[in-house]
Amino acid sequence: MTRQDRIITALNAALSPRHLEVRDVSAQHHGHGGWREGGETHFEVDIASPEFDAMTRIAAHRMVNDALADELASGLHALQIKIIT
């Protein structure tokens, strides 16, 4: 299973999103800090979830980061999150 698949699985399980897009943008960061051969180090996530409806954007970002804590601890270097309300 790829890191992208694991990210999708984790976010679906934790947040039941009504919209989710996950993109591996590692190639755009070739040679930058945290980049490794093979990619899967830099991702963008666009997400809308009913879980976010009554919270601040910062709290929603924290929920996404919490859901992806294992990935962040195991080599996910950069995560750009776009919360959609």
N, C-alpha and C. Protein backbone atom coordinates (compact mmCIF):
# COMPACT_ATOMS: atom_id res chain seq x y z
N MET A 1 0.85 -1.18 0.00
CA MET A 1 0.00 0.00 0.00
C MET A 1 0.89 1.24 0.00
N THR A 2 0.59 2.18 -0.85
CA THR A 2 1.39 3.40 -0.92
C THR A 2 1.05 4.33 0.25
N ARG A 3 1.92 5.30 0.46
CA ARG A 3 1.64 6.30 1.50
C ARG A 3 0.34 7.04 1.17
N GLN A 4 0.13 7.36 -0.10
CA GLN A 4 -1.10 8.04 -0.50
C GLN A 4 -2.32 7.20 -0.12
N ASP A 5 -2.27 5.91 -0.36
CA ASP A 5 -3.37 5.02 0.02
C ASP A 5 -3.58 5.01 1.53
N ARG A 6 -2.48 4.99 2.28
CA ARG A 6 -2.59 4.99 3.74
C ARG A 6 -3.18 6.30 4.24
N ILE A 7 -2.80 7.42 3.62
CA ILE A 7 -3.36 8.73 4.00
C ILE A 7 -4.87 8.74 3.75
N ILE A 8 -5.27 8.28 2.59
CA ILE A 8 -6.71 8.24 2.25
C ILE A 8 -7.46 7.35 3.24
N THR A 9 -6.92 6.19 3.52
CA THR A 9 -7.56 5.25 4.45
C THR A 9 -7.69 5.87 5.84
N ALA A 10 -6.62 6.49 6.33
CA ALA A 10 -6.63 7.08 7.67
C ALA A 10 -7.64 8.23 7.77
N LEU A 11 -7.66 9.09 6.77
CA LEU A 11 -8.58 10.23 6.81
C LEU A 11 -10.03 9.78 6.67
N ASN A 12 -10.29 8.80 5.82
CA ASN A 12 -11.65 8.27 5.71
C ASN A 12 -12.12 7.66 7.03
N ALA A 13 -11.24 6.92 7.68
CA ALA A 13 -11.61 6.27 8.95
C ALA A 13 -11.84 7.28 10.07
N ALA A 14 -10.99 8.30 10.14
CA ALA A 14 -11.06 9.24 11.26
C ALA A 14 -12.09 10.34 11.07
N LEU A 15 -12.33 10.77 9.81
CA LEU A 15 -13.09 12.00 9.61
C LEU A 15 -14.31 11.85 8.71
N SER A 16 -14.53 10.69 8.12
CA SER A 16 -15.67 10.47 7.21
C SER A 16 -15.89 11.68 6.29
N PRO A 17 -14.90 12.02 5.48
CA PRO A 17 -15.01 13.24 4.67
C PRO A 17 -16.09 13.14 3.60
N ARG A 18 -16.71 14.28 3.33
CA ARG A 18 -17.65 14.34 2.21
C ARG A 18 -16.91 14.70 0.92
N HIS A 19 -15.68 15.17 1.06
CA HIS A 19 -14.80 15.43 -0.08
C HIS A 19 -13.37 15.20 0.38
N LEU A 20 -12.60 14.48 -0.44
CA LEU A 20 -11.20 14.23 -0.11
C LEU A 20 -10.39 14.08 -1.39
N GLU A 21 -9.34 14.88 -1.50
CA GLU A 21 -8.35 14.75 -2.57
C GLU A 21 -6.98 14.72 -1.92
N VAL A 22 -6.19 13.75 -2.32
CA VAL A 22 -4.82 13.61 -1.81
C VAL A 22 -3.89 13.52 -3.00
N ARG A 23 -2.90 14.41 -3.03
CA ARG A 23 -1.96 14.46 -4.14
C ARG A 23 -0.53 14.34 -3.62
N ASP A 24 0.24 13.47 -4.26
CA ASP A 24 1.67 13.36 -3.98
C ASP A 24 2.37 14.40 -4.85
N VAL A 25 2.91 15.42 -4.22
CA VAL A 25 3.60 16.49 -4.94
C VAL A 25 5.11 16.45 -4.68
N SER A 26 5.60 15.30 -4.31
CA SER A 26 7.02 15.14 -3.98
C SER A 26 7.93 15.55 -5.12
N ALA A 27 7.55 15.24 -6.35
CA ALA A 27 8.39 15.57 -7.50
C ALA A 27 8.66 17.07 -7.61
N GLN A 28 7.73 17.88 -7.13
CA GLN A 28 7.91 19.33 -7.17
C GLN A 28 8.97 19.81 -6.18
N HIS A 29 9.38 18.93 -5.28
CA HIS A 29 10.32 19.31 -4.22
C HIS A 29 11.66 18.59 -4.36
N HIS A 30 11.93 18.06 -5.54
CA HIS A 30 13.18 17.34 -5.79
C HIS A 30 14.37 18.19 -5.35
N GLY A 31 15.20 17.63 -4.51
CA GLY A 31 16.39 18.32 -4.05
C GLY A 31 16.19 19.19 -2.83
N HIS A 32 14.96 19.40 -2.42
CA HIS A 32 14.68 20.22 -1.23
C HIS A 32 14.76 19.35 0.02
N GLY A 33 14.74 20.02 1.16
CA GLY A 33 14.80 19.31 2.42
C GLY A 33 13.66 18.31 2.58
N GLY A 34 14.00 17.13 3.05
CA GLY A 34 12.99 16.10 3.30
C GLY A 34 12.68 15.23 2.11
N TRP A 35 13.10 15.66 0.91
CA TRP A 35 12.82 14.87 -0.29
C TRP A 35 13.71 13.64 -0.30
N ARG A 36 13.12 12.53 -0.75
CA ARG A 36 13.89 11.29 -0.90
C ARG A 36 13.57 10.66 -2.25
N GLU A 37 14.50 9.89 -2.75
CA GLU A 37 14.29 9.13 -3.99
C GLU A 37 13.06 8.25 -3.82
N GLY A 38 12.21 8.24 -4.81
CA GLY A 38 10.98 7.45 -4.73
C GLY A 38 9.77 8.27 -4.31
N GLY A 39 9.99 9.49 -3.85
CA GLY A 39 8.88 10.38 -3.51
C GLY A 39 8.17 9.98 -2.23
N GLU A 40 6.88 10.25 -2.22
CA GLU A 40 6.00 10.00 -1.06
C GLU A 40 6.46 10.74 0.19
N THR A 41 6.98 11.95 0.00
CA THR A 41 7.43 12.75 1.13
C THR A 41 6.63 14.04 1.30
N HIS A 42 6.03 14.53 0.23
CA HIS A 42 5.30 15.80 0.23
C HIS A 42 3.90 15.58 -0.34
N PHE A 43 2.88 15.93 0.43
CA PHE A 43 1.51 15.72 -0.02
C PHE A 43 0.66 16.96 0.19
N GLU A 44 -0.37 17.08 -0.64
CA GLU A 44 -1.41 18.09 -0.48
C GLU A 44 -2.72 17.34 -0.23
N VAL A 45 -3.50 17.85 0.72
CA VAL A 45 -4.79 17.26 1.06
C VAL A 45 -5.85 18.36 1.02
N ASP A 46 -6.89 18.13 0.23
CA ASP A 46 -8.09 18.98 0.26
C ASP A 46 -9.17 18.13 0.90
N ILE A 47 -9.79 18.64 1.97
CA ILE A 47 -10.74 17.82 2.71
C ILE A 47 -11.90 18.65 3.25
N ALA A 48 -13.09 18.07 3.15
CA ALA A 48 -14.30 18.63 3.77
C ALA A 48 -14.90 17.50 4.60
N SER A 49 -15.24 17.80 5.82
CA SER A 49 -15.81 16.79 6.71
C SER A 49 -16.85 17.44 7.62
N PRO A 50 -17.92 16.71 7.92
CA PRO A 50 -18.88 17.24 8.89
C PRO A 50 -18.25 17.47 10.27
N GLU A 51 -17.15 16.78 10.52
CA GLU A 51 -16.43 16.95 11.80
C GLU A 51 -15.94 18.39 11.97
N PHE A 52 -15.72 19.09 10.86
CA PHE A 52 -15.16 20.44 10.91
C PHE A 52 -16.21 21.53 11.07
N ASP A 53 -17.48 21.19 10.94
CA ASP A 53 -18.53 22.19 10.86
C ASP A 53 -18.58 23.18 12.03
N ALA A 54 -18.28 22.73 13.22
CA ALA A 54 -18.41 23.61 14.39
C ALA A 54 -17.06 23.96 15.01
N MET A 55 -16.00 23.88 14.20
CA MET A 55 -14.69 24.16 14.80
C MET A 55 -13.91 25.17 13.96
N THR A 56 -12.87 25.68 14.57
CA THR A 56 -12.00 26.62 13.86
C THR A 56 -11.15 25.87 12.83
N ARG A 57 -10.60 26.61 11.90
CA ARG A 57 -9.72 26.02 10.89
C ARG A 57 -8.50 25.38 11.55
N ILE A 58 -7.97 26.01 12.58
CA ILE A 58 -6.81 25.45 13.29
C ILE A 58 -7.17 24.12 13.93
N ALA A 59 -8.33 24.03 14.55
CA ALA A 59 -8.76 22.77 15.16
C ALA A 59 -8.94 21.69 14.11
N ALA A 60 -9.46 22.06 12.94
CA ALA A 60 -9.63 21.10 11.85
C ALA A 60 -8.26 20.61 11.36
N HIS A 61 -7.29 21.51 11.23
CA HIS A 61 -5.93 21.11 10.84
C HIS A 61 -5.35 20.15 11.86
N ARG A 62 -5.58 20.42 13.13
CA ARG A 62 -5.07 19.52 14.18
C ARG A 62 -5.69 18.14 14.05
N MET A 63 -6.97 18.07 13.72
CA MET A 63 -7.62 16.76 13.55
C MET A 63 -6.98 15.99 12.39
N VAL A 64 -6.70 16.66 11.30
CA VAL A 64 -6.05 16.00 10.17
C VAL A 64 -4.66 15.53 10.58
N ASN A 65 -3.90 16.39 11.22
CA ASN A 65 -2.55 16.00 11.67
C ASN A 65 -2.61 14.83 12.65
N ASP A 66 -3.57 14.83 13.55
CA ASP A 66 -3.73 13.72 14.49
C ASP A 66 -4.04 12.42 13.76
N ALA A 67 -4.91 12.50 12.75
CA ALA A 67 -5.27 11.31 11.98
C ALA A 67 -4.08 10.75 11.22
N LEU A 68 -3.13 11.61 10.89
CA LEU A 68 -1.96 11.20 10.10
C LEU A 68 -0.68 11.14 10.92
N ALA A 69 -0.81 11.06 12.23
CA ALA A 69 0.35 11.06 13.12
C ALA A 69 1.35 9.96 12.78
N ASP A 70 0.86 8.76 12.46
CA ASP A 70 1.77 7.66 12.13
C ASP A 70 2.56 7.95 10.86
N GLU A 71 1.90 8.54 9.87
CA GLU A 71 2.60 8.88 8.62
C GLU A 71 3.63 9.98 8.86
N LEU A 72 3.26 10.97 9.65
CA LEU A 72 4.18 12.07 9.94
C LEU A 72 5.40 11.56 10.71
N ALA A 73 5.21 10.54 11.53
CA ALA A 73 6.32 9.98 12.30
C ALA A 73 7.19 9.03 11.49
N SER A 74 6.68 8.62 10.31
CA SER A 74 7.42 7.61 9.55
C SER A 74 7.86 8.08 8.16
N GLY A 75 8.12 9.37 8.01
CA GLY A 75 8.73 9.83 6.76
C GLY A 75 7.93 10.81 5.94
N LEU A 76 6.69 11.07 6.29
CA LEU A 76 5.94 12.13 5.60
C LEU A 76 6.53 13.45 6.05
N HIS A 77 7.20 14.13 5.14
CA HIS A 77 7.96 15.34 5.50
C HIS A 77 7.10 16.59 5.50
N ALA A 78 6.21 16.73 4.49
CA ALA A 78 5.44 17.96 4.36
C ALA A 78 4.00 17.63 3.98
N LEU A 79 3.08 18.33 4.62
CA LEU A 79 1.67 18.12 4.39
C LEU A 79 0.99 19.48 4.28
N GLN A 80 0.47 19.77 3.11
CA GLN A 80 -0.30 21.01 2.91
C GLN A 80 -1.77 20.63 3.00
N ILE A 81 -2.50 21.27 3.91
CA ILE A 81 -3.90 20.94 4.16
C ILE A 81 -4.77 22.11 3.74
N LYS A 82 -5.79 21.80 2.95
CA LYS A 82 -6.80 22.79 2.61
C LYS A 82 -8.13 22.29 3.17
N ILE A 83 -8.64 23.00 4.17
CA ILE A 83 -9.91 22.65 4.77
C ILE A 83 -11.01 23.32 3.93
N ILE A 84 -11.97 22.54 3.49
CA ILE A 84 -13.06 23.04 2.69
C ILE A 84 -14.31 23.06 3.57
N THR A 85 -14.95 24.23 3.66
CA THR A 85 -16.15 24.33 4.49
C THR A 85 -17.38 24.49 3.63
